[in-house]
Amino acid sequence: MEIDSKHRTKDGSWFAFYLALLLFGKQTLAQTRYSIPEEVQEGTVVGNVAKDLGLDITSLIARRFRVVSGSKDAIFEVNQNNGALYVDKHIDREELCQGSGACLMELKILVETPLEIHYVIVEITDVNDHAPSFPEREQILEIAEQTLPGRRFQLHTARDPDAGINSIRTYTLTSNEHFEVNIRQSDDDKIPFLVLKKSLDREKKNKLALLLTAVDGGKPTKSGTLNVSIIVLDSNDNRPIFSQELYQIEIYENTPFGSSIFQMNATDFDEGTNGAIEYSLGKTLKRKIYEMFELDKLTGEIRIKGVVDYEENEVYKLDVEASDKATPPLTGECRVIIKIIDVNDNPPAIEVTSLTNTVSEDSKPGTVISLISVTDQDSGVNGKIISSITSDVPFELKPSYKENIYSVVTKGVLDREELSHYEITIKATDCGEPPLSTVKTLTILISDVNDNCPHFQHASLEFYLDENNAAGNLIFSVHATDKDFNENAVVSYHIMREGSQNGVMSFLNINSDNGHISALKSFDFETLKTFQFQVVATDSGTPSLSSNVTVNVFILDQNDNAPVILYPVSSNGSAEGVEEIPRNVNAGHLVTKVRAYDADIGYNGWLLFSLQELTDHSLFGLDRYTGQIRTLRSFTETDEAQHKLVILVKDNGNVSLSATATVVVKVVEPKEAFAASDVKSAAMDEEENNVTFYLMITLGSVSTLFLISIIVLIAMQCSKSTDYTSKYLQEPNYDGTLCHSIQYRSGEKRYMLVGPRMSIGSTIAPGSHANTLMLPDRRTAGEPLP
């Protein structure tokens, strides 16, 4: 086995092949050629193709070094360990290649990463493994004794499947005085003829037995024999004659069964039975011819009886004999050459040589995902193929340097989140009339890369939390989605604690898997009314991507503070007081005013006053809103001089809390009242100063807290599109009850957390807490929130 690097100058097709490689070859600079005889043992090494192609032996396995065969049974394979090309199956040249021409096999050697395809030519040389053989063991010839010397009789032609010098070289005939053998060269065949060299005499000898031997040119030679029996008869002196020795006709492939394609015509100048002609096909033709054609022995009509396929055989050669009915008959011969005209009866075939089923979504345009080859068994225009991708996909076909070899490459940006797989439909159409086409679909999966960060539905979230929540319980949760796949879409959560303004973040805990947020302590509305923090969502890709959301938490007030009595307050701290009034006061006289305070807001801090105990219901009345105690009528002589009033102060929470104050009213004569008034006035002034001082401290603290709330809400309003307005209000002219409110706006709704007094037009928002009101928006369009 050796590399044949020389070009065959006698073979024009090889010269054109190499010239095409030099002009158009891109991936293969030169074509490698080997030769090997047929019948070698399986495993025989043809040559080290990897070394001859300049490939690295150590990378053959990684690059999937292999032979790509278009047929089902590959004769040759390569060894990925050493790069050798070896025989994998039995080689029979006569089965692979018919005729005496060079038997060449083109192999496609494929390596990947990067993808390369090399073409290797292996020539199968012939060995003399077949002996010549005749179609029959004996041939009988009937020859009239009047036959003149020089007459020729065609003998059966021997067949030898071997080619070249190993085919039939000559014929020999056993020595005799009447006949000799003559050989006529016809195309690739040597046809033996028995030539009469001396006239026959039937009366002396009516039968001769001869032995014809066919000898091939192999070393050593092989031969086959034919027994020729000659019967000497009285002959008729005219044989049938065809108008010409060679007929050439053309028919289309796929001609229907039974169709008449040619009419033979021979003439015999004899009369009677000696002139009656019968036609027959030569007995030495190939078996395929007898299966394809039939000849009417009386009319000479040649008809189709098999499938005419141009791709199977382009030309058929028929030897036709015309014999008369004389005894012995005379025979005339001619040859009919039938050429098959190709019709477009074979659609193109698409073969996927290499395919990558999965492509990363970040693949650049021009990435090769598959190699395909397109073939058509038809010839000429019928075999010309136009290939294209018919589906609307970001892929295209790129032709190779070799005709009908294409690469499927990406032509656009892939996005798995938009489409996770593609069905690439490749259509191959020939140029015949009518054109035939073939469609093949390739399924390509798009693999995911981490190109999408987690996404929250809103840029900021608002949650409302009741104060006095249970520590450790879930208070709310956040959720983010990721368009990526598998690990790239697994989201974990954590709270951003860097740069926090207060210590609230340390009391929050988040479940990293599901975003559930729990509070590690209970919140107090009177201490903290709102706070803000950020949650970061991070995916599990490499590298990981993240996004964050701002969470605004509003603490909602609960009725957890009972009213506190500010007046009356006795020296021991109990809510008791004594009031003295003259007996001559009129109805409506202000006796005193009960003052109380509730740290809650809204309904929870709205205080109502009521008389729980009273000695005389007709004498005193209590304003339920202001806590003022007034006389209902003038005193009479029968009225008692001292009255005890127990005042109940309660808030308006769902479960109301209350406190009581006791006021003892002493009725005195006018003179005593004036004297007591002076003494009491001094005490009241001091008490008022103390109360005023405490009230100023309380209102200042509350105002400071709500001022901070206003600043936070204004910052929130500036940082997001949602319209929030917050304002802390206080009533400077309180009349016994400290009133305060918080109002804010979300979207088209306005909310207000109010103290004891509300606007008459206010309504409670459905589904809200008891101390949350929804204010009717009387502003015109575009009017800012006050």
Foldseek 3Di string as FASTA:
>chain_A
DDKDPDFDPVDVVSVVVQVLCCVQPDQQNGETEFEDEAQDDFFAWGAQVCVVRVHDLVCQVVFVWWKFDPDPDDQWIADSNRRTITGHDHGDQLVQDFAQDWRKDWIWIWTPPPTGIGIYIYTHAYALPWAWEFPDQEAEAEAELPDDFFDKAWDTFTFTSTHDQSTWDDKFKPDDDFWGWDWDDDPPGTTIIITGHDGDDCVVPQKDWMKMKTWGRHVVIHIYIHIYMYGYHHDDDWAKEFPDQEAEEEDAFQDDFFDWGDWTDIFTPDDDQQTQKFKDWDPNADPVVVQFWDAGRRGRTITGHDGGDCLVPFKDKIKMWIWGRDVVIHIDIHIYIYGYDYALPWAKDKDWRDAAQEAEQADDWFAFGTKIAIFTSTDDQSTAKDKWWDDPDQWTWDDGSDPRITTITGNDGGDCLVPFKDWTKMKMWTRGVVIHIDIDIRIHGYAWALPWAWAFPDQAAEEEAEFPDDAPDFRAFGDTFTSTDDQSTQKFKDWDPPPAPDDQNVQWDAGRRGGTIGGRDTHACLVDFKGKTKMKIWTRGVVIHIDIHIYIYGYDYALPWEKAWLPPADPVGAQEEEFEDEQFDFFFAFGDATFIETSTFFQSTAKFKDWPDKPDPQFWDAHGRQRTITGHGHHDPPDDQKMKTKMWIWGRGPPIHIDIHIYMYGYDHVVVNVVVCVVVVVVVVVSVVVSVVVVVVVVVVVQVNQVVVQVVQVVVVVVDPWFWGWDWDWDPPRRRYTKIKIWIDGDPWIKMQIHNDDDPQWDCDPPDHPRIITHDDPDDPPDDDD
